């Protein structure tokens, strides 16, 4: 993959690693509550659920890193797969949880997908 494609995939991986940290370890803190628009009571009641979501975001981040560092054709294939997974997860999240997820998750995934596809 091109340098731009690799950097785009790694940037999205970093975003999902950050989301992992927010959901798994910082869920009840003011920073995470502000990011997700939750109350202290809601955050306390859903801590385990959020940690589970965070783990999934970690898997997305790991897949994006794998795609970025693997040699082609595997790197390209893995990158496309995980970028599409992120985009679809964002669409689902926007439809079921918060519309802003489309801009936080889906749009960056689709933007990152462009240089990956062009690098092929």
Protein backbone atom coordinates (compact mmCIF):
# COMPACT_ATOMS: atom_id res chain seq x y z
CA UNK A 1 0.00 0.00 0.00
CA UNK A 2 1.05 3.58 -0.44
CA UNK A 3 2.33 5.66 2.44
CA UNK A 4 -0.86 7.73 2.41
CA UNK A 5 -3.03 4.61 2.55
CA UNK A 6 -0.97 3.19 5.41
CA UNK A 7 -1.13 6.44 7.36
CA UNK A 8 -4.89 6.69 6.82
CA UNK A 9 -5.42 3.16 8.15
CA UNK A 10 -3.13 3.80 11.12
CA UNK A 11 -4.90 7.08 11.94
CA UNK A 12 -8.22 5.27 12.04
CA UNK A 13 -6.62 2.54 14.17
CA UNK A 14 -5.46 5.22 16.61
CA UNK A 15 -8.99 6.62 16.80
CA UNK A 16 -10.38 3.19 17.63
CA UNK A 17 -7.64 2.57 20.18
CA UNK A 18 -8.67 5.85 21.84
CA UNK A 19 -12.31 4.75 21.81
CA UNK A 20 -11.20 1.46 23.40
CA UNK A 21 -9.54 3.39 26.23
CA UNK A 22 -12.60 5.60 26.74
CA UNK A 23 -15.01 2.67 26.80
CA UNK A 24 -12.95 0.11 28.69
CA UNK A 25 -11.05 2.18 31.22
CA UNK A 26 -12.45 5.71 31.39
CA UNK A 27 -16.18 5.09 30.89
CA UNK A 28 -17.27 6.62 34.21
CA UNK A 29 -14.93 9.64 34.03
CA UNK A 30 -16.12 13.11 33.07
CA UNK A 31 -14.12 12.93 29.81
CA UNK A 32 -15.82 9.76 28.57
CA UNK A 33 -19.24 10.87 29.83
CA UNK A 34 -18.87 14.11 27.88
CA UNK A 35 -17.70 12.28 24.76
CA UNK A 36 -20.65 9.89 24.83
CA UNK A 37 -23.23 12.20 26.39
CA UNK A 38 -23.96 10.00 29.39
CA UNK A 39 -24.80 10.72 33.00
CA UNK A 40 -22.79 9.42 35.96
CA UNK A 41 -25.61 7.02 36.88
CA UNK A 42 -25.92 5.68 33.33
CA UNK A 43 -22.15 5.26 33.05
CA UNK A 44 -22.00 3.34 36.31
CA UNK A 45 -24.89 1.08 35.27
CA UNK A 46 -23.44 0.33 31.83
CA UNK A 47 -19.74 0.01 32.66
CA UNK A 48 -19.51 -3.68 31.70
CA UNK A 49 -21.45 -3.12 28.48
CA UNK A 50 -19.16 -0.22 27.53
CA UNK A 51 -16.07 -2.33 28.24
CA UNK A 52 -17.42 -4.95 25.84
CA UNK A 53 -17.91 -2.29 23.17
CA UNK A 54 -14.40 -1.05 23.84
CA UNK A 55 -13.01 -4.51 23.26
CA UNK A 56 -14.69 -4.61 19.84
CA UNK A 57 -13.15 -1.24 19.00
CA UNK A 58 -9.80 -2.72 20.00
CA UNK A 59 -10.31 -5.57 17.56
CA UNK A 60 -11.06 -3.05 14.81
CA UNK A 61 -7.89 -1.14 15.70
CA UNK A 62 -5.83 -4.34 15.69
CA UNK A 63 -7.19 -5.32 12.29
CA UNK A 64 -6.40 -1.89 10.86
CA UNK A 65 -2.84 -2.09 12.18
CA UNK A 66 -2.50 -5.60 10.76
CA UNK A 67 -3.64 -4.40 7.36
CA UNK A 68 -1.27 -1.44 7.49
CA UNK A 69 1.82 -3.50 8.30
CA UNK A 70 1.14 -6.70 6.34
CA UNK A 71 2.63 -7.03 2.90
CA UNK A 72 0.34 -7.07 -0.10
CA UNK A 73 -1.92 -8.65 -1.16
CA UNK A 74 -2.83 -9.54 2.43
CA UNK A 75 -2.31 -5.98 3.71
CA UNK A 76 -4.63 -4.57 1.07
CA UNK A 77 -7.30 -7.22 1.65
CA UNK A 78 -7.22 -6.90 5.43
CA UNK A 79 -7.28 -3.10 5.23
CA UNK A 80 -10.31 -3.09 2.95
CA UNK A 81 -12.11 -5.62 5.13
CA UNK A 82 -11.57 -3.73 8.39
CA UNK A 83 -12.26 -0.31 6.88
CA UNK A 84 -15.58 -1.60 5.56
CA UNK A 85 -16.30 -3.16 8.97
CA UNK A 86 -15.68 0.20 10.65
CA UNK A 87 -17.92 1.98 8.14
CA UNK A 88 -20.75 -0.51 8.61
CA UNK A 89 -20.43 -0.41 12.41
CA UNK A 90 -20.65 3.37 12.20
CA UNK A 91 -23.79 3.21 10.07
CA UNK A 92 -25.38 0.83 12.55
CA UNK A 93 -24.31 2.99 15.49
CA UNK A 94 -25.70 6.10 13.83
CA UNK A 95 -29.00 4.34 13.19
CA UNK A 96 -29.34 2.92 16.70
CA UNK A 97 -27.41 5.12 19.12
CA UNK A 98 -26.34 8.56 17.91
CA UNK A 99 -26.27 10.18 14.50
CA UNK A 100 -22.90 11.79 15.27
CA UNK A 101 -21.31 8.32 14.99
CA UNK A 102 -21.64 8.60 11.21
CA UNK A 103 -19.17 11.51 11.35
CA UNK A 104 -16.88 10.03 13.99
CA UNK A 105 -16.65 6.53 12.53
CA UNK A 106 -18.17 6.03 9.07
CA UNK A 107 -16.89 9.15 7.33
CA UNK A 108 -13.27 8.66 8.50
CA UNK A 109 -13.41 5.00 7.47
CA UNK A 110 -14.65 5.88 3.99
CA UNK A 111 -12.05 8.64 3.66
CA UNK A 112 -9.32 6.17 4.65
CA UNK A 113 -10.71 3.60 2.22
CA UNK A 114 -10.15 5.90 -0.77
CA UNK A 115 -6.31 5.94 -0.67
CA UNK A 116 -6.27 2.22 0.15
CA UNK A 117 -8.32 1.44 -2.96
CA UNK A 118 -6.31 3.88 -5.07
CA UNK A 119 -3.07 2.26 -3.90
CA UNK A 120 -4.14 -1.02 -5.44
